[in-house]
């Protein structure tokens, strides 16, 4: 499978273990992966997640996302504030908005968010709010800050 044509595209990646991830990806060649990640194998990167060629079952270019947020954002939420921040400060605004939508959903009383340091998350959101992001993201941030109290 040639991964290079997917560089910069919105994709759906199916891993061999059955998991599915969506986002705008960057292609990383073998040399780069060896230097940066210690693995001499090309990969696709979506936000702070790496998908190495030997773990990918298939990749498809998509026009739009299936849901407002997906597995990637849910895993970042489960991993905690540092992983959330990694995605919130990535270069792709689509990824930022999807993470914000995941936060809005996951911070409701119906979901377990005890593992999240809410003060640290609020500080990250305040820092993000001061950057040059869209009005849509600004509104999501304001709503989440209200949720956090």
Protein backbone atom coordinates (compact mmCIF):
# COMPACT_ATOMS: atom_id res chain seq x y z
CA UNK A 1 0.00 0.00 0.00
CA UNK A 2 1.35 3.41 -1.00
CA UNK A 3 0.64 5.94 1.78
CA UNK A 4 2.17 9.02 0.15
CA UNK A 5 -0.93 9.95 -1.93
CA UNK A 6 -2.92 10.46 1.29
CA UNK A 7 -0.71 13.33 2.48
CA UNK A 8 -2.85 16.35 3.37
CA UNK A 9 -6.13 14.53 2.69
CA UNK A 10 -9.13 13.94 4.96
CA UNK A 11 -9.08 10.18 5.43
CA UNK A 12 -10.63 7.26 7.25
CA UNK A 13 -7.99 4.78 8.41
CA UNK A 14 -8.96 1.22 9.29
CA UNK A 15 -6.39 -0.53 11.42
CA UNK A 16 -5.83 -4.28 11.31
CA UNK A 17 -7.20 -4.52 14.87
CA UNK A 18 -10.56 -3.18 13.62
CA UNK A 19 -10.31 0.37 14.93
CA UNK A 20 -11.27 3.27 12.67
CA UNK A 21 -9.89 6.83 12.80
CA UNK A 22 -10.73 9.93 10.77
CA UNK A 23 -8.90 13.17 10.16
CA UNK A 24 -6.58 15.15 7.95
CA UNK A 25 -3.32 13.25 7.73
CA UNK A 26 0.30 13.92 7.03
CA UNK A 27 2.55 11.39 5.35
CA UNK A 28 5.79 10.54 7.17
CA UNK A 29 8.50 8.70 5.22
CA UNK A 30 10.72 5.91 6.54
CA UNK A 31 13.71 8.14 7.21
CA UNK A 32 11.64 10.70 9.09
CA UNK A 33 9.91 8.00 11.16
CA UNK A 34 13.23 6.42 12.06
CA UNK A 35 14.66 9.78 13.13
CA UNK A 36 11.59 11.03 15.01
CA UNK A 37 9.94 7.85 16.29
CA UNK A 38 12.63 5.17 16.16
CA UNK A 39 10.70 3.03 13.70
CA UNK A 40 11.92 2.59 10.14
CA UNK A 41 8.52 2.35 8.55
CA UNK A 42 6.40 4.97 6.80
CA UNK A 43 3.22 6.14 8.52
CA UNK A 44 0.30 8.52 8.37
CA UNK A 45 -0.13 11.00 11.19
CA UNK A 46 -3.47 12.45 12.28
CA UNK A 47 -3.04 15.09 14.98
CA UNK A 48 -1.02 13.34 17.73
CA UNK A 49 -1.62 9.77 16.47
CA UNK A 50 0.70 7.72 14.25
CA UNK A 51 -0.55 4.94 11.98
CA UNK A 52 2.33 2.79 10.80
CA UNK A 53 1.95 0.99 7.49
CA UNK A 54 2.13 -2.50 9.01
CA UNK A 55 -0.88 -1.72 11.26
CA UNK A 56 -3.09 -0.26 8.53
CA UNK A 57 -5.68 -2.48 6.87
CA UNK A 58 -6.99 0.23 4.52
CA UNK A 59 -7.23 3.97 3.95
CA UNK A 60 -9.92 5.88 2.13
CA UNK A 61 -10.24 9.55 1.26
CA UNK A 62 -13.50 10.98 2.63
CA UNK A 63 -15.47 14.12 1.85
CA UNK A 64 -16.85 14.57 5.36
CA UNK A 65 -16.73 13.00 8.79
CA UNK A 66 -19.15 10.31 9.89
CA UNK A 67 -19.69 11.93 13.33
CA UNK A 68 -18.85 15.25 15.06
CA UNK A 69 -15.93 13.48 16.78
CA UNK A 70 -14.53 9.98 16.72
CA UNK A 71 -12.16 7.41 18.20
CA UNK A 72 -9.13 9.67 18.04
CA UNK A 73 -10.78 12.37 20.15
CA UNK A 74 -12.25 9.84 22.59
CA UNK A 75 -8.80 8.31 23.14
CA UNK A 76 -7.29 11.75 23.73
CA UNK A 77 -10.02 12.45 26.31
CA UNK A 78 -9.32 9.13 28.03
CA UNK A 79 -5.58 9.86 28.07
CA UNK A 80 -6.13 13.15 29.89
CA UNK A 81 -5.28 16.81 29.70
CA UNK A 82 -1.85 16.50 28.04
CA UNK A 83 -3.27 14.50 25.11
CA UNK A 84 -6.24 16.85 24.85
CA UNK A 85 -3.84 19.82 24.68
CA UNK A 86 -1.79 18.12 21.96
CA UNK A 87 -4.86 17.93 19.75
CA UNK A 88 -6.20 21.37 20.66
CA UNK A 89 -2.93 23.00 19.62
CA UNK A 90 -2.45 21.12 16.35
CA UNK A 91 -2.41 22.99 13.04
CA UNK A 92 -5.68 21.63 11.62
CA UNK A 93 -8.72 23.56 12.85
CA UNK A 94 -10.95 20.60 11.95
CA UNK A 95 -9.11 18.55 14.57
CA UNK A 96 -9.44 21.33 17.14
CA UNK A 97 -13.19 21.60 16.56
CA UNK A 98 -13.65 17.81 16.77
CA UNK A 99 -11.77 17.72 20.09
CA UNK A 100 -13.87 20.61 21.41
CA UNK A 101 -17.06 18.78 20.44
CA UNK A 102 -15.78 15.68 22.21
CA UNK A 103 -15.13 17.74 25.34
CA UNK A 104 -18.61 19.29 25.23
CA UNK A 105 -20.10 15.79 25.04
CA UNK A 106 -17.75 14.06 27.49
CA UNK A 107 -17.91 16.65 30.26
CA UNK A 108 -21.66 16.27 30.77
CA UNK A 109 -22.87 14.61 33.99
CA UNK A 110 -23.81 11.49 31.99
CA UNK A 111 -20.13 10.69 31.37
CA UNK A 112 -17.24 9.89 33.67
CA UNK A 113 -14.74 12.73 33.57
CA UNK A 114 -13.26 12.34 37.07
CA UNK A 115 -9.82 11.65 35.57
CA UNK A 116 -9.72 15.08 33.94
CA UNK A 117 -7.97 17.90 35.78
CA UNK A 118 -10.67 20.47 35.12
CA UNK A 119 -8.60 23.43 36.33
CA UNK A 120 -5.75 22.51 33.96
CA UNK A 121 -8.24 21.98 31.13
CA UNK A 122 -9.79 25.41 31.77
CA UNK A 123 -6.31 27.00 31.60
CA UNK A 124 -5.61 25.25 28.28
CA UNK A 125 -8.96 26.43 26.88
CA UNK A 126 -8.29 30.01 28.00
CA UNK A 127 -4.90 29.88 26.28
CA UNK A 128 -6.49 28.46 23.11
CA UNK A 129 -9.19 31.14 23.18
CA UNK A 130 -6.46 33.79 22.93
CA UNK A 131 -5.16 32.36 19.66
CA UNK A 132 -6.39 33.13 16.16
CA UNK A 133 -9.11 30.47 15.84
CA UNK A 134 -12.54 30.59 14.25
CA UNK A 135 -15.71 31.95 15.83
CA UNK A 136 -17.13 28.43 15.86
CA UNK A 137 -14.23 27.22 18.01
CA UNK A 138 -14.53 30.31 20.22
CA UNK A 139 -18.20 29.48 20.88
CA UNK A 140 -17.36 25.86 21.73
CA UNK A 141 -14.65 27.02 24.13
CA UNK A 142 -17.05 29.43 25.86
CA UNK A 143 -19.62 26.64 26.27
CA UNK A 144 -17.05 24.23 27.69
CA UNK A 145 -15.74 26.83 30.14
CA UNK A 146 -19.31 27.30 31.38
CA UNK A 147 -19.62 23.53 31.80
CA UNK A 148 -16.43 23.51 33.85
CA UNK A 149 -17.77 26.25 36.10
